[in-house]
Protein backbone atom coordinates (compact mmCIF):
# COMPACT_ATOMS: atom_id res chain seq x y z
CA MET A 1 -13.75 -28.08 22.66
CA ALA A 2 -10.53 -27.02 20.94
CA GLY A 3 -7.08 -27.38 22.17
CA GLY A 4 -3.67 -28.89 21.40
CA GLY A 5 -4.28 -28.54 17.58
CA ILE A 6 -6.60 -31.44 17.43
CA VAL A 7 -10.50 -30.95 17.48
CA SER A 8 -13.03 -33.34 18.10
CA THR A 9 -15.81 -32.59 15.72
CA SER A 10 -18.36 -34.82 17.20
CA PRO A 11 -21.96 -33.07 17.82
CA PRO A 12 -22.01 -31.38 21.24
CA GLY A 13 -25.09 -32.63 22.53
CA ALA A 14 -26.58 -35.93 23.60
CA LYS A 15 -29.35 -36.08 20.67
CA ASN A 16 -31.40 -38.90 19.78
CA TYR A 17 -29.95 -39.69 16.50
CA GLU A 18 -30.99 -42.92 14.31
CA GLY A 19 -28.78 -45.60 14.46
CA ASN A 20 -27.74 -48.54 16.49
CA LEU A 21 -24.66 -50.54 17.55
CA THR A 22 -24.00 -52.08 14.19
CA PHE A 23 -21.54 -55.08 13.81
CA ARG A 24 -19.33 -52.66 11.68
CA ILE A 25 -19.06 -50.21 14.60
CA PHE A 26 -18.54 -52.94 17.02
CA ILE A 27 -15.67 -54.57 14.86
CA THR A 28 -14.38 -51.26 14.10
CA CYS A 29 -14.02 -50.11 17.71
CA ILE A 30 -12.35 -53.40 18.57
CA ILE A 31 -9.67 -52.83 15.84
CA ALA A 32 -9.09 -49.48 16.93
CA ALA A 33 -8.89 -50.39 20.57
CA PHE A 34 -5.69 -52.74 19.55
CA GLY A 35 -3.89 -49.34 20.10
CA GLY A 36 -4.28 -49.85 23.76
CA LEU A 37 -2.38 -53.27 23.59
CA ILE A 38 0.67 -51.29 22.54
CA PHE A 39 0.60 -49.20 25.58
CA GLY A 40 -0.30 -51.88 28.03
CA TYR A 41 2.06 -54.35 26.73
CA ASP A 42 5.14 -51.86 27.28
CA LEU A 43 3.71 -51.02 30.59
CA GLY A 44 4.03 -54.65 31.85
CA ILE A 45 7.18 -55.61 30.01
CA SER A 46 9.85 -52.97 30.86
CA GLY A 47 9.81 -53.87 34.58
CA GLY A 48 9.97 -57.57 33.99
CA VAL A 49 13.02 -57.11 31.58
CA THR A 50 15.04 -55.00 33.92
CA SER A 51 14.74 -57.55 36.63
CA MET A 52 16.09 -60.31 34.41
CA ASP A 53 19.73 -61.11 35.30
CA PRO A 54 21.12 -62.04 31.66
CA PHE A 55 19.76 -58.59 30.61
CA LEU A 56 21.36 -56.95 33.28
CA LYS A 57 24.52 -58.52 32.92
CA LYS A 58 24.71 -57.96 29.19
CA PHE A 59 23.72 -54.19 29.08
CA PHE A 60 24.11 -52.96 32.90
CA PRO A 61 27.03 -55.01 34.49
CA LYS A 62 27.68 -52.54 37.18
CA VAL A 63 24.03 -52.94 38.46
CA TYR A 64 24.21 -56.76 38.02
CA GLU A 65 27.52 -56.85 40.10
CA LYS A 66 25.92 -54.49 42.78
CA GLU A 67 22.79 -56.75 43.01
CA ASN A 68 24.76 -59.88 43.38
CA ASN A 69 27.38 -58.45 45.75
CA LEU A 70 24.96 -56.74 48.44
CA LYS A 71 24.96 -58.37 51.65
CA PRO A 72 21.56 -58.84 53.59
CA SER A 73 22.70 -55.97 55.95
CA ASP A 74 23.31 -53.47 53.04
CA ASN A 75 20.52 -51.17 51.75
CA GLN A 76 18.42 -53.08 49.35
CA TYR A 77 16.88 -50.10 47.59
CA CYS A 78 19.93 -49.05 45.71
CA LYS A 79 21.15 -51.86 43.89
CA PHE A 80 19.09 -50.79 40.80
CA ASP A 81 20.60 -47.24 41.16
CA SER A 82 21.79 -46.50 37.46
CA GLN A 83 20.97 -43.32 35.55
CA THR A 84 21.47 -45.46 32.44
CA LEU A 85 18.98 -47.92 33.38
CA THR A 86 16.58 -45.13 34.31
CA LEU A 87 17.10 -43.61 31.00
CA PHE A 88 16.28 -46.85 29.28
CA THR A 89 12.88 -47.07 31.25
CA SER A 90 11.86 -43.54 31.18
CA SER A 91 13.04 -42.51 27.57
CA LEU A 92 9.70 -44.29 26.18
CA TYR A 93 7.29 -41.90 28.27
CA LEU A 94 9.32 -38.72 27.51
CA ALA A 95 9.08 -39.42 23.88
CA ALA A 96 5.37 -40.39 23.90
CA LEU A 97 4.87 -37.05 25.76
CA VAL A 98 6.50 -34.95 23.13
CA VAL A 99 5.00 -37.02 20.03
CA SER A 100 1.55 -36.99 21.49
CA VAL A 101 1.35 -33.05 20.98
CA LEU A 102 3.04 -33.41 17.50
CA ALA A 103 0.62 -36.20 16.73
CA SER A 104 -2.32 -34.08 17.16
CA THR A 105 -1.47 -31.94 14.01
CA VAL A 106 -0.97 -34.98 12.11
CA THR A 107 -4.27 -36.39 13.11
CA ARG A 108 -6.00 -33.32 12.15
CA LEU A 109 -4.38 -32.82 8.87
CA PHE A 110 -4.37 -36.30 7.63
CA GLY A 111 -6.73 -38.22 9.67
CA ARG A 112 -6.94 -40.63 12.68
CA ARG A 113 -6.41 -43.71 10.54
CA ILE A 114 -3.05 -42.49 9.19
CA THR A 115 -1.70 -41.61 12.71
CA MET A 116 -2.72 -45.00 14.00
CA ILE A 117 -0.97 -46.70 11.23
CA SER A 118 2.12 -44.52 11.74
CA GLY A 119 2.12 -45.25 15.53
CA GLY A 120 1.93 -48.85 14.67
CA LEU A 121 5.09 -48.80 12.35
CA LEU A 122 7.02 -46.59 14.84
CA PHE A 123 6.25 -49.27 17.44
CA LEU A 124 6.91 -52.17 15.50
CA ALA A 125 10.44 -50.49 14.41
CA GLY A 126 11.10 -49.99 18.28
CA ALA A 127 10.25 -53.96 19.02
CA ALA A 128 12.56 -54.86 16.36
CA LEU A 129 15.46 -52.78 17.41
CA ASN A 130 15.08 -53.78 21.16
CA GLY A 131 14.73 -57.47 20.43
CA PHE A 132 17.87 -57.40 18.34
CA ALA A 133 19.86 -55.09 20.56
CA GLU A 134 23.60 -55.64 21.25
CA HIS A 135 24.40 -52.30 22.74
CA VAL A 136 22.64 -49.87 25.33
CA TRP A 137 22.24 -47.10 22.51
CA MET A 138 20.08 -49.54 20.56
CA LEU A 139 17.84 -50.04 23.48
CA ILE A 140 17.25 -46.47 24.25
CA VAL A 141 16.77 -45.76 20.50
CA GLY A 142 14.19 -48.52 20.34
CA ARG A 143 12.48 -47.22 23.39
CA ILE A 144 12.12 -43.76 21.99
CA LEU A 145 10.63 -45.38 18.89
CA LEU A 146 8.24 -47.18 21.07
CA GLY A 147 7.44 -44.05 22.77
CA PHE A 148 6.65 -42.40 19.36
CA GLY A 149 4.16 -45.18 18.61
CA ILE A 150 2.56 -44.88 22.05
CA GLY A 151 2.22 -41.24 21.54
CA CYS A 152 0.49 -41.59 18.01
CA ALA A 153 -1.84 -44.37 19.17
CA ASN A 154 -2.86 -42.47 22.52
CA GLN A 155 -3.58 -39.60 20.43
CA SER A 156 -5.64 -41.11 17.63
CA VAL A 157 -7.34 -44.20 18.96
CA PRO A 158 -9.57 -42.52 21.68
CA ILE A 159 -10.72 -39.79 19.36
CA TYR A 160 -11.29 -42.28 16.48
CA VAL A 161 -13.49 -44.56 18.71
CA SER A 162 -15.41 -41.53 20.11
CA GLU A 163 -16.19 -40.21 16.57
CA VAL A 164 -17.51 -43.35 14.99
CA ALA A 165 -19.40 -44.84 18.09
CA PRO A 166 -23.04 -44.08 18.48
CA TYR A 167 -23.58 -41.53 21.24
CA LYS A 168 -25.32 -44.00 23.65
CA TYR A 169 -22.59 -46.43 23.40
CA ARG A 170 -19.50 -44.04 23.31
CA GLY A 171 -18.41 -44.53 26.75
CA ALA A 172 -18.69 -48.14 26.80
CA LEU A 173 -16.88 -48.70 23.31
CA ASN A 174 -14.00 -46.20 24.57
CA MET A 175 -13.51 -48.53 27.59
CA MET A 176 -12.31 -51.09 25.10
CA PHE A 177 -9.12 -48.88 24.91
CA GLN A 178 -8.68 -49.17 28.67
CA LEU A 179 -9.41 -52.86 28.55
CA ALA A 180 -6.90 -53.50 26.05
CA ILE A 181 -4.24 -51.77 28.06
CA THR A 182 -4.99 -54.08 30.95
CA ILE A 183 -4.89 -57.02 28.80
CA GLY A 184 -1.56 -55.95 27.38
CA ILE A 185 -0.15 -55.61 30.75
CA PHE A 186 -1.23 -58.87 32.13
CA VAL A 187 0.16 -60.59 28.94
CA ALA A 188 3.30 -58.88 29.32
CA ASN A 189 3.76 -60.10 32.78
CA VAL A 190 2.90 -63.78 31.89
CA LEU A 191 5.24 -63.65 28.86
CA ASN A 192 7.92 -62.35 31.13
CA ASN A 193 7.59 -64.97 33.65
CA VAL A 194 7.74 -67.74 30.82
CA PHE A 195 10.86 -65.98 28.99
CA ALA A 196 12.53 -65.36 32.14
CA LYS A 197 13.19 -69.14 32.58
CA MET A 198 14.72 -69.81 29.31
CA GLU A 199 18.14 -71.52 29.90
CA ASN A 200 19.93 -69.64 27.00
CA GLY A 201 19.64 -66.24 28.94
CA GLU A 202 17.97 -64.79 25.61
CA GLY A 203 14.36 -64.59 27.18
CA TRP A 204 14.53 -60.77 27.46
CA ARG A 205 14.88 -60.59 23.49
CA TYR A 206 11.63 -62.46 23.29
CA SER A 207 10.00 -60.20 25.82
CA LEU A 208 10.96 -56.96 24.11
CA GLY A 209 10.58 -58.49 20.54
CA PHE A 210 6.93 -59.64 21.34
CA ALA A 211 5.78 -55.95 21.22
CA ALA A 212 5.93 -56.34 17.55
CA VAL A 213 2.60 -58.47 17.80
CA PRO A 214 0.26 -55.75 18.97
CA ALA A 215 2.02 -53.31 16.64
CA ILE A 216 1.33 -55.61 13.63
CA MET A 217 -2.39 -55.86 14.83
CA ILE A 218 -3.04 -52.18 14.88
CA ILE A 219 -1.27 -51.68 11.40
CA ILE A 220 -3.31 -54.51 9.82
CA GLY A 221 -6.59 -53.43 11.48
CA ALA A 222 -6.24 -49.59 10.76
CA ILE A 223 -5.43 -50.41 7.14
CA PHE A 224 -8.94 -51.68 6.75
CA LEU A 225 -10.55 -48.98 8.86
CA GLN A 226 -12.32 -46.01 7.25
CA ASP A 227 -11.62 -42.52 8.49
CA SER A 228 -14.33 -41.21 10.91
CA PRO A 229 -17.04 -38.88 9.19
CA SER A 230 -15.95 -36.29 11.68
CA SER A 231 -12.30 -36.33 10.36
CA LEU A 232 -13.43 -36.34 6.65
CA ILE A 233 -15.56 -33.22 7.31
CA GLU A 234 -12.90 -31.44 8.92
CA ARG A 235 -10.61 -31.97 5.86
CA GLY A 236 -13.29 -31.05 3.30
CA PHE A 237 -14.69 -34.59 2.10
CA GLY A 238 -18.20 -33.78 2.89
CA GLU A 239 -19.93 -36.23 0.56
CA LYS A 240 -17.49 -39.14 1.54
CA ALA A 241 -18.32 -38.24 5.09
CA LYS A 242 -22.07 -38.62 4.46
CA GLU A 243 -21.62 -41.96 2.78
CA GLU A 244 -19.37 -43.45 5.73
CA LEU A 245 -22.05 -41.98 8.28
CA ILE A 246 -24.65 -44.07 6.46
CA LYS A 247 -22.56 -47.34 6.69
CA ILE A 248 -21.32 -47.12 10.13
CA ARG A 249 -25.07 -45.98 11.41
CA GLY A 250 -26.68 -48.73 9.28
CA THR A 251 -29.33 -46.25 8.21
CA THR A 252 -30.01 -43.45 5.70
CA ASP A 253 -31.73 -41.10 8.23
CA ILE A 254 -28.51 -39.51 9.21
CA ASP A 255 -29.14 -35.75 8.12
CA GLN A 256 -29.43 -34.26 11.30
CA GLU A 257 -26.55 -35.83 12.93
CA PHE A 258 -24.45 -34.92 9.62
CA GLU A 259 -25.71 -31.35 9.83
CA ASP A 260 -24.64 -31.22 13.49
CA LEU A 261 -21.05 -32.63 12.56
CA VAL A 262 -20.73 -30.03 9.79
CA ALA A 263 -21.79 -27.18 12.54
CA ALA A 264 -19.31 -28.62 14.86
CA SER A 265 -16.58 -28.45 12.47
CA GLU A 266 -17.25 -25.01 11.44
CA SER A 267 -17.31 -23.78 15.02
CA SER A 268 -13.94 -25.47 15.91
CA LYS A 269 -12.24 -23.75 12.94
CA ALA A 270 -13.73 -20.38 13.91
CA VAL A 271 -11.66 -20.84 17.23
CA LYS A 272 -8.68 -18.60 16.78
CA HIS A 273 -6.75 -19.51 19.90
CA PRO A 274 -7.63 -22.69 21.37
CA TRP A 275 -5.24 -22.78 24.14
CA ALA A 276 -6.58 -19.33 25.19
CA SER A 277 -10.03 -20.66 25.19
CA LEU A 278 -9.26 -23.47 27.71
CA LEU A 279 -8.67 -20.62 30.37
CA LYS A 280 -12.13 -19.13 30.06
CA ARG A 281 -14.43 -19.43 32.87
CA GLN A 282 -17.00 -21.60 31.22
CA TYR A 283 -14.17 -24.37 30.49
CA ARG A 284 -12.73 -24.12 34.01
CA PRO A 285 -14.51 -27.34 35.56
CA GLN A 286 -13.42 -29.27 32.49
CA LEU A 287 -9.78 -28.15 32.82
CA THR A 288 -9.81 -28.86 36.58
CA PHE A 289 -10.94 -32.43 35.90
CA ALA A 290 -8.40 -32.92 33.07
CA LEU A 291 -5.60 -31.75 35.39
CA ALA A 292 -6.62 -33.10 38.51
CA ILE A 293 -7.46 -36.65 37.75
CA PRO A 294 -4.03 -37.61 36.11
CA PHE A 295 -2.37 -35.56 38.87
CA PHE A 296 -3.83 -37.51 41.78
CA GLN A 297 -3.44 -40.92 39.80
CA GLN A 298 0.31 -40.28 39.61
CA LEU A 299 0.21 -39.47 43.48
CA THR A 300 -1.34 -42.69 44.13
CA GLY A 301 1.87 -44.63 43.18
CA MET A 302 0.03 -47.07 40.92
CA ASN A 303 2.09 -46.22 37.89
CA VAL A 304 5.32 -47.14 39.87
CA ILE A 305 3.98 -50.37 40.87
CA VAL A 306 2.78 -51.32 37.24
CA PHE A 307 6.06 -50.17 35.90
CA TYR A 308 8.65 -51.70 38.48
CA ALA A 309 6.54 -54.46 40.37
CA PRO A 310 9.05 -57.20 39.19
CA ILE A 311 11.95 -55.15 40.35
CA LEU A 312 10.19 -53.97 43.84
CA PHE A 313 9.63 -57.79 44.41
CA LYS A 314 13.04 -58.70 43.62
CA THR A 315 14.31 -55.95 45.84
CA ILE A 316 12.85 -57.12 48.98
CA GLY A 317 13.94 -60.63 48.30
CA ILE A 318 10.88 -62.11 46.63
CA ARG A 319 11.80 -64.20 43.44
CA ALA A 320 9.85 -66.22 40.93
CA LYS A 321 10.15 -69.95 41.61
CA ASP A 322 10.35 -72.53 38.49
């Protein structure tokens, strides 16, 4: 199906192609799933950092004063009321939303691997700027760069894993991306708890700066990856795509799958108006699921809990004990 400028050229049916889950495929998908660590780490880190008193005192003194001057009888839910603090948190996700659309074009023209490397570099730059921040604008610009990196990773990694994984294991291997997100959230919360206890009051720098670790992981990993056969075919490298398909499938019997990949690529290029195609009756079930699932996920409030759990606990008077 075509849409948003990026077309997945995986074969449309669940045909019994030759090839098993080779060690190379497994390692390739693990490396690609490092992109999930980028997203997960930031989900877990932002709420913890914004609940640290030294961080608030340095960048948001009004919030810090309000927090420490509130009486028990005052409204506890207003002490983190700051548009600038909200901008610090939300700028990343707004940037990721915009770049995910633009990244689809980069992914289509230059390959999934280049997009992953670009996302890692942007995330690394954002982590460095946040870790060494001395002014609020540095925090916000750093968050925007982090958002650019997340947008690139979220756009390219799931597509890459889907295209290189054997169809029988595609769903399971794609779940590695989701697993990496949850691992990133867990690690971020553990590190926040550790760094918040630093006596020098600079723990927030380590929390924000450690985002460079998953960024470096995906950069190094993506450098050693090869582009997916689908991407190579899409960009006109047919012979190279066939060679890569033989390597990742571990067999030379790949003619049928290769022909289907070529046919899928040609069909996708024949689509003149991909966004209009989404509105056709035959695609309505897929379009409904694509819109309804994230919509109802947001309505559960789960993202609010993930983003702001430390602040929510702190707001109702629960604090971490040494």
